[in-house]
Amino acid sequence: ILSFTRAANRPDHLAPISTDVATEVEEIIAGFEPLAEAQGMTITTRLRPGLIADVDRSALRQILLNLLDNAVRYGPRGQTVVVAAAPATEDTWTLEVSD
């Protein structure tokens, strides 16, 4: 997250492209699920279909994997982690990871 914050302060380091957020998040989670399952963790999603946003896909991947990794490392075995993405305002959206 610190790397992303530094990059956000230097927009020339970000490469946002129009992205289907739900599809991107599902792909990231699919790659992480074997690690989650090995720790007895379940990941569920609440993703708004059709949410299109300009996103730096690499930064999104880094942030989401960091949050999921923290949930595995510091959360109780057998927990359920919920990943949600939805519009917040007309011009913004939110990504929420809760465990």
PDB file of N, CA and C in Angstrom:
ATOM      1  N   ILE A   1       0.839  -1.183   0.000  1.00  0.00           N
ATOM      2  CA  ILE A   1       0.000   0.000   0.000  1.00  0.00           C
ATOM      3  C   ILE A   1       0.882   1.244   0.000  1.00  0.00           C
ATOM      4  N   LEU A   2       2.000   1.193   0.708  1.00  0.00           N
ATOM      5  CA  LEU A   2       2.912   2.336   0.697  1.00  0.00           C
ATOM      6  C   LEU A   2       3.451   2.588  -0.705  1.00  0.00           C
ATOM      7  N   SER A   3       3.768   1.533  -1.433  1.00  0.00           N
ATOM      8  CA  SER A   3       4.241   1.702  -2.812  1.00  0.00           C
ATOM      9  C   SER A   3       3.172   2.361  -3.662  1.00  0.00           C
ATOM     10  N   PHE A   4       1.930   1.948  -3.489  1.00  0.00           N
ATOM     11  CA  PHE A   4       0.843   2.543  -4.253  1.00  0.00           C
ATOM     12  C   PHE A   4       0.659   4.010  -3.893  1.00  0.00           C
ATOM     13  N   THR A   5       0.757   4.328  -2.617  1.00  0.00           N
ATOM     14  CA  THR A   5       0.613   5.717  -2.182  1.00  0.00           C
ATOM     15  C   THR A   5       1.687   6.582  -2.822  1.00  0.00           C
ATOM     16  N   ARG A   6       2.909   6.088  -2.844  1.00  0.00           N
ATOM     17  CA  ARG A   6       3.989   6.840  -3.490  1.00  0.00           C
ATOM     18  C   ARG A   6       3.709   7.012  -4.978  1.00  0.00           C
ATOM     19  N   ALA A   7       3.237   5.965  -5.628  1.00  0.00           N
ATOM     20  CA  ALA A   7       2.936   6.034  -7.058  1.00  0.00           C
ATOM     21  C   ALA A   7       1.779   6.990  -7.329  1.00  0.00           C
ATOM     22  N   ALA A   8       0.789   7.005  -6.446  1.00  0.00           N
ATOM     23  CA  ALA A   8      -0.363   7.892  -6.633  1.00  0.00           C
ATOM     24  C   ALA A   8       0.065   9.350  -6.563  1.00  0.00           C
ATOM     25  N   ASN A   9       1.094   9.623  -5.794  1.00  0.00           N
ATOM     26  CA  ASN A   9       1.611  10.980  -5.718  1.00  0.00           C
ATOM     27  C   ASN A   9       2.465  11.339  -6.932  1.00  0.00           C
ATOM     28  N   ARG A  10       2.794  10.341  -7.736  1.00  0.00           N
ATOM     29  CA  ARG A  10       3.541  10.555  -8.979  1.00  0.00           C
ATOM     30  C   ARG A  10       2.765   9.854 -10.087  1.00  0.00           C
ATOM     31  N   PRO A  11       1.748  10.522 -10.635  1.00  0.00           N
ATOM     32  CA  PRO A  11       0.862   9.882 -11.611  1.00  0.00           C
ATOM     33  C   PRO A  11       1.570   9.293 -12.821  1.00  0.00           C
ATOM     34  N   ASP A  12       2.787   9.759 -13.111  1.00  0.00           N
ATOM     35  CA  ASP A  12       3.517   9.205 -14.242  1.00  0.00           C
ATOM     36  C   ASP A  12       3.921   7.749 -14.003  1.00  0.00           C
ATOM     37  N   HIS A  13       3.792   7.271 -12.758  1.00  0.00           N
ATOM     38  CA  HIS A  13       4.127   5.883 -12.438  1.00  0.00           C
ATOM     39  C   HIS A  13       2.917   4.955 -12.500  1.00  0.00           C
ATOM     40  N   LEU A  14       1.742   5.501 -12.729  1.00  0.00           N
ATOM     41  CA  LEU A  14       0.536   4.690 -12.838  1.00  0.00           C
ATOM     42  C   LEU A  14       0.142   4.577 -14.303  1.00  0.00           C
ATOM     43  N   ALA A  15      -0.478   3.456 -14.641  1.00  0.00           N
ATOM     44  CA  ALA A  15      -0.920   3.229 -16.017  1.00  0.00           C
ATOM     45  C   ALA A  15      -2.374   2.765 -16.005  1.00  0.00           C
ATOM     46  N   PRO A  16      -3.299   3.673 -15.686  1.00  0.00           N
ATOM     47  CA  PRO A  16      -4.707   3.258 -15.635  1.00  0.00           C
ATOM     48  C   PRO A  16      -5.281   2.979 -17.017  1.00  0.00           C
ATOM     49  N   ILE A  17      -6.053   1.896 -17.083  1.00  0.00           N
ATOM     50  CA  ILE A  17      -6.782   1.566 -18.306  1.00  0.00           C
ATOM     51  C   ILE A  17      -8.208   1.184 -17.914  1.00  0.00           C
ATOM     52  N   SER A  18      -9.116   1.334 -18.844  1.00  0.00           N
ATOM     53  CA  SER A  18     -10.509   0.975 -18.595  1.00  0.00           C
ATOM     54  C   SER A  18     -10.585  -0.522 -18.301  1.00  0.00           C
ATOM     55  N   THR A  19     -11.133  -0.851 -17.135  1.00  0.00           N
ATOM     56  CA  THR A  19     -11.095  -2.229 -16.631  1.00  0.00           C
ATOM     57  C   THR A  19     -12.442  -2.626 -16.057  1.00  0.00           C
ATOM     58  N   ASP A  20     -12.851  -3.851 -16.322  1.00  0.00           N
ATOM     59  CA  ASP A  20     -14.021  -4.429 -15.651  1.00  0.00           C
ATOM     60  C   ASP A  20     -13.527  -4.865 -14.275  1.00  0.00           C
ATOM     61  N   VAL A  21     -13.864  -4.101 -13.264  1.00  0.00           N
ATOM     62  CA  VAL A  21     -13.321  -4.305 -11.922  1.00  0.00           C
ATOM     63  C   VAL A  21     -13.677  -5.690 -11.380  1.00  0.00           C
ATOM     64  N   ALA A  22     -14.922  -6.115 -11.537  1.00  0.00           N
ATOM     65  CA  ALA A  22     -15.335  -7.422 -11.007  1.00  0.00           C
ATOM     66  C   ALA A  22     -14.514  -8.546 -11.627  1.00  0.00           C
ATOM     67  N   THR A  23     -14.328  -8.493 -12.928  1.00  0.00           N
ATOM     68  CA  THR A  23     -13.551  -9.532 -13.608  1.00  0.00           C
ATOM     69  C   THR A  23     -12.111  -9.533 -13.118  1.00  0.00           C
ATOM     70  N   GLU A  24     -11.521  -8.351 -12.993  1.00  0.00           N
ATOM     71  CA  GLU A  24     -10.136  -8.248 -12.537  1.00  0.00           C
ATOM     72  C   GLU A  24      -9.982  -8.782 -11.115  1.00  0.00           C
ATOM     73  N   VAL A  25     -10.889  -8.400 -10.227  1.00  0.00           N
ATOM     74  CA  VAL A  25     -10.826  -8.858  -8.840  1.00  0.00           C
ATOM     75  C   VAL A  25     -11.013 -10.371  -8.770  1.00  0.00           C
ATOM     76  N   GLU A  26     -11.940 -10.911  -9.537  1.00  0.00           N
ATOM     77  CA  GLU A  26     -12.155 -12.373  -9.555  1.00  0.00           C
ATOM     78  C   GLU A  26     -10.892 -13.104  -9.998  1.00  0.00           C
ATOM     79  N   GLU A  27     -10.191 -12.567 -11.005  1.00  0.00           N
ATOM     80  CA  GLU A  27      -8.960 -13.195 -11.475  1.00  0.00           C
ATOM     81  C   GLU A  27      -7.873 -13.168 -10.396  1.00  0.00           C
ATOM     82  N   ILE A  28      -7.759 -12.063  -9.698  1.00  0.00           N
ATOM     83  CA  ILE A  28      -6.767 -11.951  -8.625  1.00  0.00           C
ATOM     84  C   ILE A  28      -7.082 -12.954  -7.520  1.00  0.00           C
ATOM     85  N   ILE A  29      -8.346 -13.033  -7.141  1.00  0.00           N
ATOM     86  CA  ILE A  29      -8.761 -13.964  -6.084  1.00  0.00           C
ATOM     87  C   ILE A  29      -8.522 -15.404  -6.512  1.00  0.00           C
ATOM     88  N   ALA A  30      -8.824 -15.733  -7.756  1.00  0.00           N
ATOM     89  CA  ALA A  30      -8.623 -17.103  -8.242  1.00  0.00           C
ATOM     90  C   ALA A  30      -7.168 -17.534  -8.083  1.00  0.00           C
ATOM     91  N   GLY A  31      -6.234 -16.633  -8.317  1.00  0.00           N
ATOM     92  CA  GLY A  31      -4.824 -16.963  -8.150  1.00  0.00           C
ATOM     93  C   GLY A  31      -4.412 -17.107  -6.703  1.00  0.00           C
ATOM     94  N   PHE A  32      -5.144 -16.459  -5.800  1.00  0.00           N
ATOM     95  CA  PHE A  32      -4.810 -16.481  -4.376  1.00  0.00           C
ATOM     96  C   PHE A  32      -5.502 -17.623  -3.641  1.00  0.00           C
ATOM     97  N   GLU A  33      -6.582 -18.143  -4.201  1.00  0.00           N
ATOM     98  CA  GLU A  33      -7.392 -19.150  -3.487  1.00  0.00           C
ATOM     99  C   GLU A  33      -6.639 -20.380  -3.003  1.00  0.00           C
ATOM    100  N   PRO A  34      -5.682 -20.932  -3.751  1.00  0.00           N
ATOM    101  CA  PRO A  34      -4.976 -22.103  -3.211  1.00  0.00           C
ATOM    102  C   PRO A  34      -4.292 -21.812  -1.867  1.00  0.00           C
ATOM    103  N   LEU A  35      -3.703 -20.646  -1.724  1.00  0.00           N
ATOM    104  CA  LEU A  35      -3.080 -20.277  -0.450  1.00  0.00           C
ATOM    105  C   LEU A  35      -4.134 -20.110   0.636  1.00  0.00           C
ATOM    106  N   ALA A  36      -5.236 -19.466   0.282  1.00  0.00           N
ATOM    107  CA  ALA A  36      -6.320 -19.273   1.254  1.00  0.00           C
ATOM    108  C   ALA A  36      -6.877 -20.615   1.715  1.00  0.00           C
ATOM    109  N   GLU A  37      -7.124 -21.507   0.782  1.00  0.00           N
ATOM    110  CA  GLU A  37      -7.688 -22.819   1.117  1.00  0.00           C
ATOM    111  C   GLU A  37      -6.720 -23.624   1.981  1.00  0.00           C
ATOM    112  N   ALA A  38      -5.424 -23.496   1.723  1.00  0.00           N
ATOM    113  CA  ALA A  38      -4.428 -24.206   2.528  1.00  0.00           C
ATOM    114  C   ALA A  38      -4.464 -23.745   3.987  1.00  0.00           C
ATOM    115  N   GLN A  39      -4.920 -22.528   4.220  1.00  0.00           N
ATOM    116  CA  GLN A  39      -5.032 -21.998   5.578  1.00  0.00           C
ATOM    117  C   GLN A  39      -6.453 -22.107   6.112  1.00  0.00           C
ATOM    118  N   GLY A  40      -7.324 -22.817   5.396  1.00  0.00           N
ATOM    119  CA  GLY A  40      -8.693 -23.000   5.842  1.00  0.00           C
ATOM    120  C   GLY A  40      -9.552 -21.765   5.670  1.00  0.00           C
ATOM    121  N   MET A  41      -9.098 -20.820   4.878  1.00  0.00           N
ATOM    122  CA  MET A  41      -9.798 -19.562   4.672  1.00  0.00           C
ATOM    123  C   MET A  41     -10.700 -19.650   3.447  1.00  0.00           C
ATOM    124  N   THR A  42     -11.875 -19.046   3.549  1.00  0.00           N
ATOM    125  CA  THR A  42     -12.808 -18.975   2.430  1.00  0.00           C
ATOM    126  C   THR A  42     -12.915 -17.522   1.992  1.00  0.00           C
ATOM    127  N   ILE A  43     -12.900 -17.299   0.688  1.00  0.00           N
ATOM    128  CA  ILE A  43     -13.069 -15.947   0.160  1.00  0.00           C
ATOM    129  C   ILE A  43     -14.395 -15.893  -0.581  1.00  0.00           C
ATOM    130  N   THR A  44     -15.235 -14.948  -0.210  1.00  0.00           N
ATOM    131  CA  THR A  44     -16.478 -14.707  -0.931  1.00  0.00           C
ATOM    132  C   THR A  44     -16.429 -13.297  -1.503  1.00  0.00           C
ATOM    133  N   THR A  45     -17.248 -13.063  -2.504  1.00  0.00           N
ATOM    134  CA  THR A  45     -17.231 -11.746  -3.146  1.00  0.00           C
ATOM    135  C   THR A  45     -18.625 -11.152  -3.215  1.00  0.00           C
ATOM    136  N   ARG A  46     -18.637  -9.838  -3.210  1.00  0.00           N
ATOM    137  CA  ARG A  46     -19.831  -9.040  -3.502  1.00  0.00           C
ATOM    138  C   ARG A  46     -19.370  -7.975  -4.488  1.00  0.00           C
ATOM    139  N   LEU A  47     -19.377  -8.334  -5.745  1.00  0.00           N
ATOM    140  CA  LEU A  47     -18.831  -7.473  -6.781  1.00  0.00           C
ATOM    141  C   LEU A  47     -19.936  -6.998  -7.710  1.00  0.00           C
ATOM    142  N   ARG A  48     -19.976  -5.717  -7.961  1.00  0.00           N
ATOM    143  CA  ARG A  48     -20.985  -5.154  -8.855  1.00  0.00           C
ATOM    144  C   ARG A  48     -20.605  -5.476 -10.296  1.00  0.00           C
ATOM    145  N   PRO A  49     -21.404  -6.301 -10.983  1.00  0.00           N
ATOM    146  CA  PRO A  49     -21.117  -6.593 -12.394  1.00  0.00           C
ATOM    147  C   PRO A  49     -21.210  -5.308 -13.222  1.00  0.00           C
ATOM    148  N   GLY A  50     -20.338  -5.224 -14.208  1.00  0.00           N
ATOM    149  CA  GLY A  50     -20.387  -4.083 -15.106  1.00  0.00           C
ATOM    150  C   GLY A  50     -19.747  -2.821 -14.569  1.00  0.00           C
ATOM    151  N   LEU A  51     -19.064  -2.910 -13.427  1.00  0.00           N
ATOM    152  CA  LEU A  51     -18.370  -1.745 -12.876  1.00  0.00           C
ATOM    153  C   LEU A  51     -17.086  -1.554 -13.682  1.00  0.00           C
ATOM    154  N   ILE A  52     -17.080  -0.532 -14.517  1.00  0.00           N
ATOM    155  CA  ILE A  52     -15.923  -0.228 -15.356  1.00  0.00           C
ATOM    156  C   ILE A  52     -15.249   1.010 -14.776  1.00  0.00           C
ATOM    157  N   ALA A  53     -13.938   0.941 -14.594  1.00  0.00           N
ATOM    158  CA  ALA A  53     -13.195   2.069 -14.038  1.00  0.00           C
ATOM    159  C   ALA A  53     -11.797   2.092 -14.653  1.00  0.00           C
ATOM    160  N   ASP A  54     -11.210   3.273 -14.675  1.00  0.00           N
ATOM    161  CA  ASP A  54      -9.815   3.395 -15.083  1.00  0.00           C
ATOM    162  C   ASP A  54      -8.951   2.972 -13.900  1.00  0.00           C
ATOM    163  N   VAL A  55      -8.233   1.869 -14.080  1.00  0.00           N
ATOM    164  CA  VAL A  55      -7.495   1.243 -12.985  1.00  0.00           C
ATOM    165  C   VAL A  55      -6.095   0.886 -13.464  1.00  0.00           C
ATOM    166  N   ASP A  56      -5.125   1.117 -12.615  1.00  0.00           N
ATOM    167  CA  ASP A  56      -3.803   0.566 -12.850  1.00  0.00           C
ATOM    168  C   ASP A  56      -3.882  -0.877 -12.358  1.00  0.00           C
ATOM    169  N   ARG A  57      -3.959  -1.807 -13.273  1.00  0.00           N
ATOM    170  CA  ARG A  57      -4.210  -3.204 -12.911  1.00  0.00           C
ATOM    171  C   ARG A  57      -3.115  -3.777 -12.018  1.00  0.00           C
ATOM    172  N   SER A  58      -1.891  -3.381 -12.242  1.00  0.00           N
ATOM    173  CA  SER A  58      -0.788  -3.860 -11.409  1.00  0.00           C
ATOM    174  C   SER A  58      -0.934  -3.359  -9.976  1.00  0.00           C
ATOM    175  N   ALA A  59      -1.298  -2.095  -9.820  1.00  0.00           N
ATOM    176  CA  ALA A  59      -1.483  -1.537  -8.477  1.00  0.00           C
ATOM    177  C   ALA A  59      -2.659  -2.212  -7.779  1.00  0.00           C
ATOM    178  N   LEU A  60      -3.759  -2.427  -8.502  1.00  0.00           N
ATOM    179  CA  LEU A  60      -4.912  -3.110  -7.912  1.00  0.00           C
ATOM    180  C   LEU A  60      -4.515  -4.497  -7.445  1.00  0.00           C
ATOM    181  N   ARG A  61      -3.795  -5.226  -8.268  1.00  0.00           N
ATOM    182  CA  ARG A  61      -3.344  -6.584  -7.907  1.00  0.00           C
ATOM    183  C   ARG A  61      -2.479  -6.537  -6.650  1.00  0.00           C
ATOM    184  N   GLN A  62      -1.532  -5.620  -6.612  1.00  0.00           N
ATOM    185  CA  GLN A  62      -0.629  -5.509  -5.465  1.00  0.00           C
ATOM    186  C   GLN A  62      -1.396  -5.200  -4.184  1.00  0.00           C
ATOM    187  N   ILE A  63      -2.322  -4.272  -4.252  1.00  0.00           N
ATOM    188  CA  ILE A  63      -3.091  -3.883  -3.061  1.00  0.00           C
ATOM    189  C   ILE A  63      -3.967  -5.031  -2.583  1.00  0.00           C
ATOM    190  N   LEU A  64      -4.715  -5.651  -3.498  1.00  0.00           N
ATOM    191  CA  LEU A  64      -5.627  -6.719  -3.097  1.00  0.00           C
ATOM    192  C   LEU A  64      -4.861  -7.923  -2.558  1.00  0.00           C
ATOM    193  N   LEU A  65      -3.785  -8.305  -3.210  1.00  0.00           N
ATOM    194  CA  LEU A  65      -2.999  -9.434  -2.705  1.00  0.00           C
ATOM    195  C   LEU A  65      -2.407  -9.138  -1.334  1.00  0.00           C
ATOM    196  N   ASN A  66      -1.992  -7.905  -1.102  1.00  0.00           N
ATOM    197  CA  ASN A  66      -1.466  -7.531   0.204  1.00  0.00           C
ATOM    198  C   ASN A  66      -2.534  -7.679   1.282  1.00  0.00           C
ATOM    199  N   LEU A  67      -3.736  -7.204   0.999  1.00  0.00           N
ATOM    200  CA  LEU A  67      -4.819  -7.294   1.986  1.00  0.00           C
ATOM    201  C   LEU A  67      -5.223  -8.746   2.238  1.00  0.00           C
ATOM    202  N   LEU A  68      -5.292  -9.545   1.175  1.00  0.00           N
ATOM    203  CA  LEU A  68      -5.635 -10.960   1.351  1.00  0.00           C
ATOM    204  C   LEU A  68      -4.530 -11.693   2.119  1.00  0.00           C
ATOM    205  N   ASP A  69      -3.289 -11.389   1.799  1.00  0.00           N
ATOM    206  CA  ASP A  69      -2.170 -12.012   2.507  1.00  0.00           C
ATOM    207  C   ASP A  69      -2.211 -11.672   3.992  1.00  0.00           C
ATOM    208  N   ASN A  70      -2.524 -10.423   4.314  1.00  0.00           N
ATOM    209  CA  ASN A  70      -2.644 -10.040   5.727  1.00  0.00           C
ATOM    210  C   ASN A  70      -3.765 -10.809   6.414  1.00  0.00           C
ATOM    211  N   ALA A  71      -4.868 -11.022   5.719  1.00  0.00           N
ATOM    212  CA  ALA A  71      -5.979 -11.777   6.301  1.00  0.00           C
ATOM    213  C   ALA A  71      -5.554 -13.205   6.612  1.00  0.00           C
ATOM    214  N   VAL A  72      -4.778 -13.817   5.715  1.00  0.00           N
ATOM    215  CA  VAL A  72      -4.304 -15.185   5.934  1.00  0.00           C
ATOM    216  C   VAL A  72      -3.307 -15.231   7.086  1.00  0.00           C
ATOM    217  N   ARG A  73      -2.387 -14.296   7.113  1.00  0.00           N
ATOM    218  CA  ARG A  73      -1.329 -14.300   8.133  1.00  0.00           C
ATOM    219  C   ARG A  73      -1.848 -13.997   9.531  1.00  0.00           C
ATOM    220  N   TYR A  74      -2.761 -13.048   9.634  1.00  0.00           N
ATOM    221  CA  TYR A  74      -3.134 -12.537  10.947  1.00  0.00           C
ATOM    222  C   TYR A  74      -4.549 -12.891  11.388  1.00  0.00           C
ATOM    223  N   GLY A  75      -5.322 -13.486  10.499  1.00  0.00           N
ATOM    224  CA  GLY A  75      -6.684 -13.854  10.862  1.00  0.00           C
ATOM    225  C   GLY A  75      -6.754 -15.278  11.377  1.00  0.00           C
ATOM    226  N   PRO A  76      -7.861 -15.630  11.996  1.00  0.00           N
ATOM    227  CA  PRO A  76      -8.015 -16.987  12.521  1.00  0.00           C
ATOM    228  C   PRO A  76      -8.218 -18.008  11.400  1.00  0.00           C
ATOM    229  N   ARG A  77      -7.707 -19.187  11.628  1.00  0.00           N
ATOM    230  CA  ARG A  77      -7.895 -20.281  10.671  1.00  0.00           C
ATOM    231  C   ARG A  77      -9.397 -20.527  10.506  1.00  0.00           C
ATOM    232  N   GLY A  78      -9.827 -20.757   9.275  1.00  0.00           N
ATOM    233  CA  GLY A  78     -11.227 -21.050   9.012  1.00  0.00           C
ATOM    234  C   GLY A  78     -12.093 -19.819   8.782  1.00  0.00           C
ATOM    235  N   GLN A  79     -11.498 -18.648   8.803  1.00  0.00           N
ATOM    236  CA  GLN A  79     -12.282 -17.431   8.624  1.00  0.00           C
ATOM    237  C   GLN A  79     -12.805 -17.282   7.193  1.00  0.00           C
ATOM    238  N   THR A  80     -13.805 -16.459   7.053  1.00  0.00           N
ATOM    239  CA  THR A  80     -14.316 -16.074   5.741  1.00  0.00           C
ATOM    240  C   THR A  80     -13.941 -14.624   5.509  1.00  0.00           C
ATOM    241  N   VAL A  81     -13.355 -14.366   4.360  1.00  0.00           N
ATOM    242  CA  VAL A  81     -12.985 -13.010   3.958  1.00  0.00           C
ATOM    243  C   VAL A  81     -13.926 -12.604   2.832  1.00  0.00           C
ATOM    244  N   VAL A  82     -14.475 -11.403   2.945  1.00  0.00           N
ATOM    245  CA  VAL A  82     -15.396 -10.887   1.932  1.00  0.00           C
ATOM    246  C   VAL A  82     -14.705  -9.766   1.175  1.00  0.00           C
ATOM    247  N   VAL A  83     -14.710  -9.869  -0.146  1.00  0.00           N
ATOM    248  CA  VAL A  83     -14.167  -8.822  -1.005  1.00  0.00           C
ATOM    249  C   VAL A  83     -15.346  -8.220  -1.755  1.00  0.00           C
ATOM    250  N   ALA A  84     -15.501  -6.897  -1.625  1.00  0.00           N
ATOM    251  CA  ALA A  84     -16.621  -6.208  -2.261  1.00  0.00           C
ATOM    252  C   ALA A  84     -16.106  -5.027  -3.076  1.00  0.00           C
ATOM    253  N   ALA A  85     -16.751  -4.780  -4.196  1.00  0.00           N
ATOM    254  CA  ALA A  85     -16.447  -3.606  -5.019  1.00  0.00           C
ATOM    255  C   ALA A  85     -17.766  -3.072  -5.552  1.00  0.00           C
ATOM    256  N   ALA A  86     -17.940  -1.757  -5.407  1.00  0.00           N
ATOM    257  CA  ALA A  86     -19.186  -1.135  -5.859  1.00  0.00           C
ATOM    258  C   ALA A  86     -18.947   0.355  -6.070  1.00  0.00           C
ATOM    259  N   PRO A  87     -19.795   0.987  -6.880  1.00  0.00           N
ATOM    260  CA  PRO A  87     -19.672   2.438  -7.039  1.00  0.00           C
ATOM    261  C   PRO A  87     -19.927   3.131  -5.704  1.00  0.00           C
ATOM    262  N   ALA A  88     -19.170   4.198  -5.443  1.00  0.00           N
ATOM    263  CA  ALA A  88     -19.373   4.986  -4.225  1.00  0.00           C
ATOM    264  C   ALA A  88     -20.105   6.275  -4.569  1.00  0.00           C
ATOM    265  N   THR A  89     -19.676   6.909  -5.639  1.00  0.00           N
ATOM    266  CA  THR A  89     -20.334   8.102  -6.167  1.00  0.00           C
ATOM    267  C   THR A  89     -20.349   7.959  -7.676  1.00  0.00           C
ATOM    268  N   GLU A  90     -20.760   8.981  -8.350  1.00  0.00           N
ATOM    269  CA  GLU A  90     -20.799   8.908  -9.810  1.00  0.00           C
ATOM    270  C   GLU A  90     -19.409   8.708 -10.403  1.00  0.00           C
ATOM    271  N   ASP A  91     -18.385   9.245  -9.745  1.00  0.00           N
ATOM    272  CA  ASP A  91     -17.035   9.204 -10.290  1.00  0.00           C
ATOM    273  C   ASP A  91     -16.066   8.315  -9.518  1.00  0.00           C
ATOM    274  N   THR A  92     -16.506   7.656  -8.456  1.00  0.00           N
ATOM    275  CA  THR A  92     -15.598   6.853  -7.645  1.00  0.00           C
ATOM    276  C   THR A  92     -16.210   5.487  -7.336  1.00  0.00           C
ATOM    277  N   TRP A  93     -15.364   4.585  -6.903  1.00  0.00           N
ATOM    278  CA  TRP A  93     -15.820   3.265  -6.476  1.00  0.00           C
ATOM    279  C   TRP A  93     -14.968   2.837  -5.281  1.00  0.00           C
ATOM    280  N   THR A  94     -15.461   1.840  -4.576  1.00  0.00           N
ATOM    281  CA  THR A  94     -14.750   1.360  -3.393  1.00  0.00           C
ATOM    282  C   THR A  94     -14.411  -0.123  -3.547  1.00  0.00           C
ATOM    283  N   LEU A  95     -13.307  -0.489  -2.942  1.00  0.00           N
ATOM    284  CA  LEU A  95     -12.908  -1.888  -2.825  1.00  0.00           C
ATOM    285  C   LEU A  95     -12.791  -2.139  -1.334  1.00  0.00           C
ATOM    286  N   GLU A  96     -13.505  -3.147  -0.857  1.00  0.00           N
ATOM    287  CA  GLU A  96     -13.513  -3.447   0.579  1.00  0.00           C
ATOM    288  C   GLU A  96     -13.113  -4.893   0.786  1.00  0.00           C
ATOM    289  N   VAL A  97     -12.193  -5.103   1.709  1.00  0.00           N
ATOM    290  CA  VAL A  97     -11.798  -6.451   2.109  1.00  0.00           C
ATOM    291  C   VAL A  97     -12.067  -6.533   3.605  1.00  0.00           C
ATOM    292  N   SER A  98     -12.955  -7.427   4.009  1.00  0.00           N
ATOM    293  CA  SER A  98     -13.260  -7.560   5.429  1.00  0.00           C
ATOM    294  C   SER A  98     -13.106  -9.000   5.871  1.00  0.00           C
ATOM    295  N   ASP A  99     -12.558  -9.160   7.064  1.00  0.00           N
ATOM    296  CA  ASP A  99     -12.369 -10.508   7.618  1.00  0.00           C
ATOM    297  C   ASP A  99     -12.784 -10.506   9.070  1.00  0.00           C
TER     298      ASP A  99
END
